[in-house]
Amino acid sequence: MNEHSFRALKDFQPPLYTLADPMTGLLPYVAIAEMEKGDPDVFIAAADTVNTKLYGFPQEVTSKGSGAGLTYESARGAAIGEGIER
């Protein structure tokens, strides 16, 4: 692959907010854990996956994803990525 191939592939990645949406997303719920005074400066997020039976799969499959990061956005992105991977 050349530089143009990588650029073209990047253009087809859906924005994270389209994957995590309570009405239409594969992840209907993403939450950020509250930090307490004295906690390390790390954000932690958790995501629930949608029931796959709603999409025509024969079995109900639900899962959870979690992620951590130094910013809210990176923790949320990590949780979304983990949830989609499962």
C-alpha atoms as a PDB file:
ATOM      1  CA  MET A   1       0.000   0.000   0.000  1.00  0.00           C
ATOM      2  CA  ASN A   2       1.176   3.491  -0.643  1.00  0.00           C
ATOM      3  CA  GLU A   3       0.517   6.774   1.163  1.00  0.00           C
ATOM      4  CA  HIS A   4      -2.647   7.402  -0.874  1.00  0.00           C
ATOM      5  CA  SER A   5      -4.091   4.010   0.107  1.00  0.00           C
ATOM      6  CA  PHE A   6      -3.774   4.815   3.804  1.00  0.00           C
ATOM      7  CA  ARG A   7      -5.384   8.201   3.303  1.00  0.00           C
ATOM      8  CA  ALA A   8      -8.289   6.621   1.408  1.00  0.00           C
ATOM      9  CA  LEU A   9      -8.863   3.974   4.104  1.00  0.00           C
ATOM     10  CA  LYS A  10      -8.903   6.638   6.808  1.00  0.00           C
ATOM     11  CA  ASP A  11     -11.669   8.496   4.952  1.00  0.00           C
ATOM     12  CA  PHE A  12     -14.002   5.493   5.351  1.00  0.00           C
ATOM     13  CA  GLN A  13     -13.751   5.201   9.124  1.00  0.00           C
ATOM     14  CA  PRO A  14     -17.045   6.181  10.741  1.00  0.00           C
ATOM     15  CA  PRO A  15     -16.868   8.893  13.389  1.00  0.00           C
ATOM     16  CA  LEU A  16     -17.016   7.479  16.904  1.00  0.00           C
ATOM     17  CA  TYR A  17     -20.210   9.369  17.706  1.00  0.00           C
ATOM     18  CA  THR A  18     -22.119   7.396  15.058  1.00  0.00           C
ATOM     19  CA  LEU A  19     -21.185   4.108  16.754  1.00  0.00           C
ATOM     20  CA  ALA A  20     -22.232   5.267  20.232  1.00  0.00           C
ATOM     21  CA  ASP A  21     -25.789   6.538  20.008  1.00  0.00           C
ATOM     22  CA  PRO A  22     -28.763   5.561  22.188  1.00  0.00           C
ATOM     23  CA  MET A  23     -31.139   5.337  19.208  1.00  0.00           C
ATOM     24  CA  THR A  24     -29.095   3.990  16.299  1.00  0.00           C
ATOM     25  CA  GLY A  25     -25.636   3.020  17.540  1.00  0.00           C
ATOM     26  CA  LEU A  26     -24.060  -0.356  18.138  1.00  0.00           C
ATOM     27  CA  LEU A  27     -23.201   1.024  21.567  1.00  0.00           C
ATOM     28  CA  PRO A  28     -26.279   2.612  23.107  1.00  0.00           C
ATOM     29  CA  TYR A  29     -24.541   3.699  26.313  1.00  0.00           C
ATOM     30  CA  VAL A  30     -21.075   5.076  27.098  1.00  0.00           C
ATOM     31  CA  ALA A  31     -20.288   6.402  30.581  1.00  0.00           C
ATOM     32  CA  ILE A  32     -17.258   8.084  32.110  1.00  0.00           C
ATOM     33  CA  ALA A  33     -16.363   7.125  35.680  1.00  0.00           C
ATOM     34  CA  GLU A  34     -16.323   9.990  38.141  1.00  0.00           C
ATOM     35  CA  MET A  35     -12.957  10.850  39.574  1.00  0.00           C
ATOM     36  CA  GLU A  36     -12.452  11.447  43.278  1.00  0.00           C
ATOM     37  CA  LYS A  37     -10.016  13.836  44.888  1.00  0.00           C
ATOM     38  CA  GLY A  38      -6.664  12.086  45.081  1.00  0.00           C
ATOM     39  CA  ASP A  39      -7.363   9.736  42.154  1.00  0.00           C
ATOM     40  CA  PRO A  40      -4.740   9.585  39.396  1.00  0.00           C
ATOM     41  CA  ASP A  41      -5.329  11.874  36.422  1.00  0.00           C
ATOM     42  CA  VAL A  42      -6.718   9.070  34.261  1.00  0.00           C
ATOM     43  CA  PHE A  43     -10.200   8.910  32.770  1.00  0.00           C
ATOM     44  CA  ILE A  44     -12.069   5.594  32.673  1.00  0.00           C
ATOM     45  CA  ALA A  45     -15.046   4.851  30.428  1.00  0.00           C
ATOM     46  CA  ALA A  46     -17.427   1.920  29.992  1.00  0.00           C
ATOM     47  CA  ALA A  47     -19.714   1.023  27.085  1.00  0.00           C
ATOM     48  CA  ASP A  48     -22.633  -1.381  26.704  1.00  0.00           C
ATOM     49  CA  THR A  49     -23.171  -3.113  23.378  1.00  0.00           C
ATOM     50  CA  VAL A  50     -26.519  -3.468  21.691  1.00  0.00           C
ATOM     51  CA  ASN A  51     -28.430  -6.754  21.772  1.00  0.00           C
ATOM     52  CA  THR A  52     -27.404  -8.383  18.470  1.00  0.00           C
ATOM     53  CA  LYS A  53     -30.693 -10.288  18.266  1.00  0.00           C
ATOM     54  CA  LEU A  54     -32.257  -6.957  17.288  1.00  0.00           C
ATOM     55  CA  TYR A  55     -30.166  -7.109  14.107  1.00  0.00           C
ATOM     56  CA  GLY A  56     -31.369 -10.575  13.126  1.00  0.00           C
ATOM     57  CA  PHE A  57     -28.703 -12.726  14.758  1.00  0.00           C
ATOM     58  CA  PRO A  58     -30.098 -15.998  16.165  1.00  0.00           C
ATOM     59  CA  GLN A  59     -28.770 -15.497  19.698  1.00  0.00           C
ATOM     60  CA  GLU A  60     -28.799 -12.566  22.061  1.00  0.00           C
ATOM     61  CA  VAL A  61     -25.248 -11.367  22.521  1.00  0.00           C
ATOM     62  CA  THR A  62     -24.477  -8.429  24.743  1.00  0.00           C
ATOM     63  CA  SER A  63     -21.121  -7.365  26.044  1.00  0.00           C
ATOM     64  CA  LYS A  64     -19.295  -4.504  27.658  1.00  0.00           C
ATOM     65  CA  GLY A  65     -16.218  -2.571  26.693  1.00  0.00           C
ATOM     66  CA  SER A  66     -14.018  -0.341  28.793  1.00  0.00           C
ATOM     67  CA  GLY A  67     -11.132   1.977  28.213  1.00  0.00           C
ATOM     68  CA  ALA A  68      -8.822   4.427  29.934  1.00  0.00           C
ATOM     69  CA  GLY A  69      -6.952   7.479  28.766  1.00  0.00           C
ATOM     70  CA  LEU A  70      -5.317  10.715  29.816  1.00  0.00           C
ATOM     71  CA  THR A  71      -8.224  12.679  28.318  1.00  0.00           C
ATOM     72  CA  TYR A  72     -11.993  12.249  28.298  1.00  0.00           C
ATOM     73  CA  GLU A  73     -11.949  11.773  24.527  1.00  0.00           C
ATOM     74  CA  SER A  74      -9.258   9.095  24.546  1.00  0.00           C
ATOM     75  CA  ALA A  75     -10.989   7.106  27.308  1.00  0.00           C
ATOM     76  CA  ARG A  76     -14.328   7.325  25.497  1.00  0.00           C
ATOM     77  CA  GLY A  77     -12.683   6.310  22.214  1.00  0.00           C
ATOM     78  CA  ALA A  78     -10.975   3.343  23.887  1.00  0.00           C
ATOM     79  CA  ALA A  79     -14.269   2.139  25.402  1.00  0.00           C
ATOM     80  CA  ILE A  80     -16.033   2.482  22.049  1.00  0.00           C
ATOM     81  CA  GLY A  81     -13.255   0.583  20.271  1.00  0.00           C
ATOM     82  CA  GLU A  82     -13.328  -2.198  22.854  1.00  0.00           C
ATOM     83  CA  GLY A  83     -17.103  -2.448  22.670  1.00  0.00           C
ATOM     84  CA  ILE A  84     -17.098  -2.684  18.861  1.00  0.00           C
ATOM     85  CA  GLU A  85     -14.308  -5.270  18.943  1.00  0.00           C
ATOM     86  CA  ARG A  86     -16.338  -7.541  21.228  1.00  0.00           C
END
